[in-house]
Protein backbone atom coordinates (compact mmCIF):
# COMPACT_ATOMS: atom_id res chain seq x y z
CA MET A 1 113.50 49.01 27.18
CA ASN A 2 110.21 47.65 25.90
CA ARG A 3 106.64 48.45 26.95
CA GLU A 4 106.35 45.40 29.19
CA ARG A 5 109.46 46.35 31.17
CA PHE A 6 108.22 49.94 31.46
CA GLU A 7 104.88 48.77 32.88
CA ILE A 8 106.61 46.43 35.34
CA LEU A 9 108.80 49.27 36.60
CA ALA A 10 105.81 51.62 36.88
CA GLU A 11 103.89 49.03 38.92
CA ALA A 12 106.89 48.36 41.16
CA TYR A 13 108.26 51.89 41.68
CA GLY A 14 105.26 54.11 40.96
CA GLY A 15 104.39 56.93 38.61
CA ASP A 16 107.36 59.12 39.47
CA VAL A 17 110.28 58.02 37.27
CA SER A 18 112.76 59.74 39.63
CA ARG A 19 112.07 56.91 42.14
CA TRP A 20 112.95 54.23 39.60
CA PRO A 21 116.39 52.55 39.62
CA THR A 22 119.02 54.90 38.19
CA ASP A 23 120.15 52.51 35.47
CA GLU A 24 116.55 52.22 34.14
CA ARG A 25 115.75 55.94 33.94
CA ASP A 26 117.55 56.74 30.65
CA ALA A 27 115.86 53.85 28.83
CA ALA A 28 112.51 54.90 30.31
CA ALA A 29 113.03 58.48 29.13
CA ALA A 30 113.77 57.24 25.62
CA LEU A 31 110.59 55.14 25.57
CA MET A 32 108.58 58.06 26.99
CA SER A 33 109.78 60.35 24.21
CA ALA A 34 109.03 57.72 21.54
CA ASP A 35 105.47 56.99 22.77
CA ALA A 36 104.49 59.83 25.10
CA GLY A 37 100.74 59.18 25.15
CA TRP A 38 101.06 55.55 26.16
CA ALA A 39 103.80 56.29 28.73
CA LEU A 40 101.75 59.05 30.37
CA GLU A 41 98.77 56.70 30.64
CA VAL A 42 100.90 54.03 32.35
CA LEU A 43 102.48 56.59 34.68
CA SER A 44 99.04 58.07 35.47
CA ARG A 45 97.68 54.67 36.56
CA ALA A 46 100.77 54.11 38.71
CA GLY A 47 100.37 57.64 40.13
CA ASP A 48 96.76 56.90 41.10
CA LEU A 49 97.95 53.89 43.07
CA ASP A 50 100.71 55.99 44.65
CA ALA A 51 98.10 58.55 45.78
CA ALA A 52 95.82 55.85 47.21
CA LEU A 53 98.70 54.30 49.13
CA ALA A 54 99.82 57.69 50.43
CA ALA A 55 96.30 58.45 51.66
CA PHE A 56 96.03 55.19 53.58
CA ALA A 57 96.22 55.60 57.32
CA PRO A 58 96.14 52.50 59.50
CA VAL A 59 93.44 52.38 62.15
CA ARG A 60 94.83 52.87 65.62
CA GLY A 61 93.32 51.17 68.62
CA ALA A 62 92.54 52.97 71.84
CA ALA A 63 95.46 53.68 74.14
CA GLY A 64 96.24 50.66 76.27
CA LEU A 65 94.08 48.26 74.23
CA ALA A 66 96.90 45.81 73.59
CA GLU A 67 97.85 45.78 77.27
CA ARG A 68 94.23 45.10 78.31
CA ILE A 69 93.97 42.22 75.84
CA VAL A 70 97.16 40.64 77.12
CA ALA A 71 96.12 41.13 80.74
CA GLY A 72 92.77 39.44 80.06
CA ALA A 73 94.27 36.43 78.33
CA PRO A 74 94.19 33.13 80.22
CA GLU A 75 97.37 31.84 81.78
CA ALA A 76 99.46 29.30 79.92
CA ARG A 77 98.54 25.76 80.86
CA GLY A 78 102.03 24.37 80.84
CA ARG A 79 102.95 21.00 79.46
CA ARG A 80 99.74 19.05 79.90
CA TRP A 81 100.35 17.16 76.67
CA ILE A 82 103.30 15.40 78.29
CA THR A 83 101.05 13.80 80.91
CA TRP A 84 99.18 11.79 78.27
CA LEU A 85 101.90 11.54 75.62
CA LEU A 86 104.41 9.58 77.70
CA PRO A 87 102.04 6.76 78.73
CA ALA A 88 100.65 6.61 75.20
CA GLY A 89 104.17 6.35 73.83
CA MET A 90 105.06 3.57 76.24
CA GLY A 91 101.88 1.68 75.32
CA ALA A 92 102.62 2.07 71.62
CA GLY A 93 106.16 0.81 72.18
CA LEU A 94 104.92 -2.24 74.06
CA ALA A 95 102.38 -3.01 71.33
CA ALA A 96 105.11 -2.69 68.68
CA ALA A 97 107.39 -5.04 70.62
CA CYS A 98 104.59 -7.61 70.94
CA ALA A 99 103.83 -7.37 67.23
CA ALA A 100 107.50 -7.82 66.39
CA GLY A 101 107.66 -10.91 68.61
CA VAL A 102 104.63 -12.43 66.93
CA MET A 103 106.06 -11.72 63.49
CA ALA A 104 109.46 -13.18 64.41
CA GLY A 105 107.80 -16.28 65.83
CA ALA A 106 105.67 -16.73 62.73
CA HIS A 107 108.73 -16.30 60.52
CA LEU A 108 110.84 -18.82 62.45
CA PHE A 109 108.15 -21.46 62.80
CA THR A 110 107.63 -22.97 59.38
CA GLY A 111 106.49 -26.48 60.32
CA SER A 112 103.21 -27.77 61.71
CA LEU A 113 102.41 -28.63 65.30
CA PRO A 114 103.03 -32.27 66.29
CA ALA A 115 99.97 -34.49 66.15
CA ASN A 116 100.87 -36.38 69.33
CA ASP A 117 102.23 -35.34 72.68
CA GLY A 118 105.80 -35.64 71.47
CA ASP A 119 108.50 -33.29 72.54
CA ALA A 120 109.62 -30.66 70.09
CA VAL A 121 113.34 -29.91 70.09
CA VAL A 122 114.81 -26.97 68.22
CA SER A 123 118.34 -27.49 66.98
CA VAL A 124 120.52 -24.83 65.44
CA ALA A 125 122.56 -25.85 62.41
CA GLY A 126 124.06 -22.46 61.63
CA ASP A 127 123.59 -18.75 62.20
CA ASP A 128 120.71 -18.44 59.74
CA ASP A 129 119.48 -22.05 59.57
CA PHE A 130 116.97 -23.22 62.14
CA GLY A 131 115.54 -26.72 62.10
CA LEU A 132 112.70 -28.31 64.00
CA ASP A 133 113.21 -31.93 65.12
CA LEU A 134 110.25 -33.81 66.49
CA GLU A 135 110.96 -36.70 68.80
CA ASP A 136 108.46 -39.31 69.75
CA ALA A 137 107.57 -39.52 73.44
CA ALA A 138 108.07 -43.25 73.22
CA GLY A 139 111.40 -43.09 72.03
């Protein structure tokens, strides 16, 4: 065991080596006998923390305080968010569908509008090949 490991164990388990893990105690005893002054200083600091933690007493509230707080809390409002979320979701879905239609139309239409009042006829040549044939009104 080295000094760093000894300090880590003292911080984790306190200043009383008998509370340390059993397999670490023999190595700690050997280090304590080799450098007693340093080891006692480390154990003293850990013991001070142990004493402070042992003296700590949590503050207790008055009897029935928790029950009075719960009784005074407002009632749950239920699922109000659903009343505005569903219409908003439907509106967003409709907007997305419209945008998709505009994009599909823009993608499929690659030509220009006819200059005259001719009829436009769309003919399908294959699954992925669309063509736009413009016929003259006269003929």
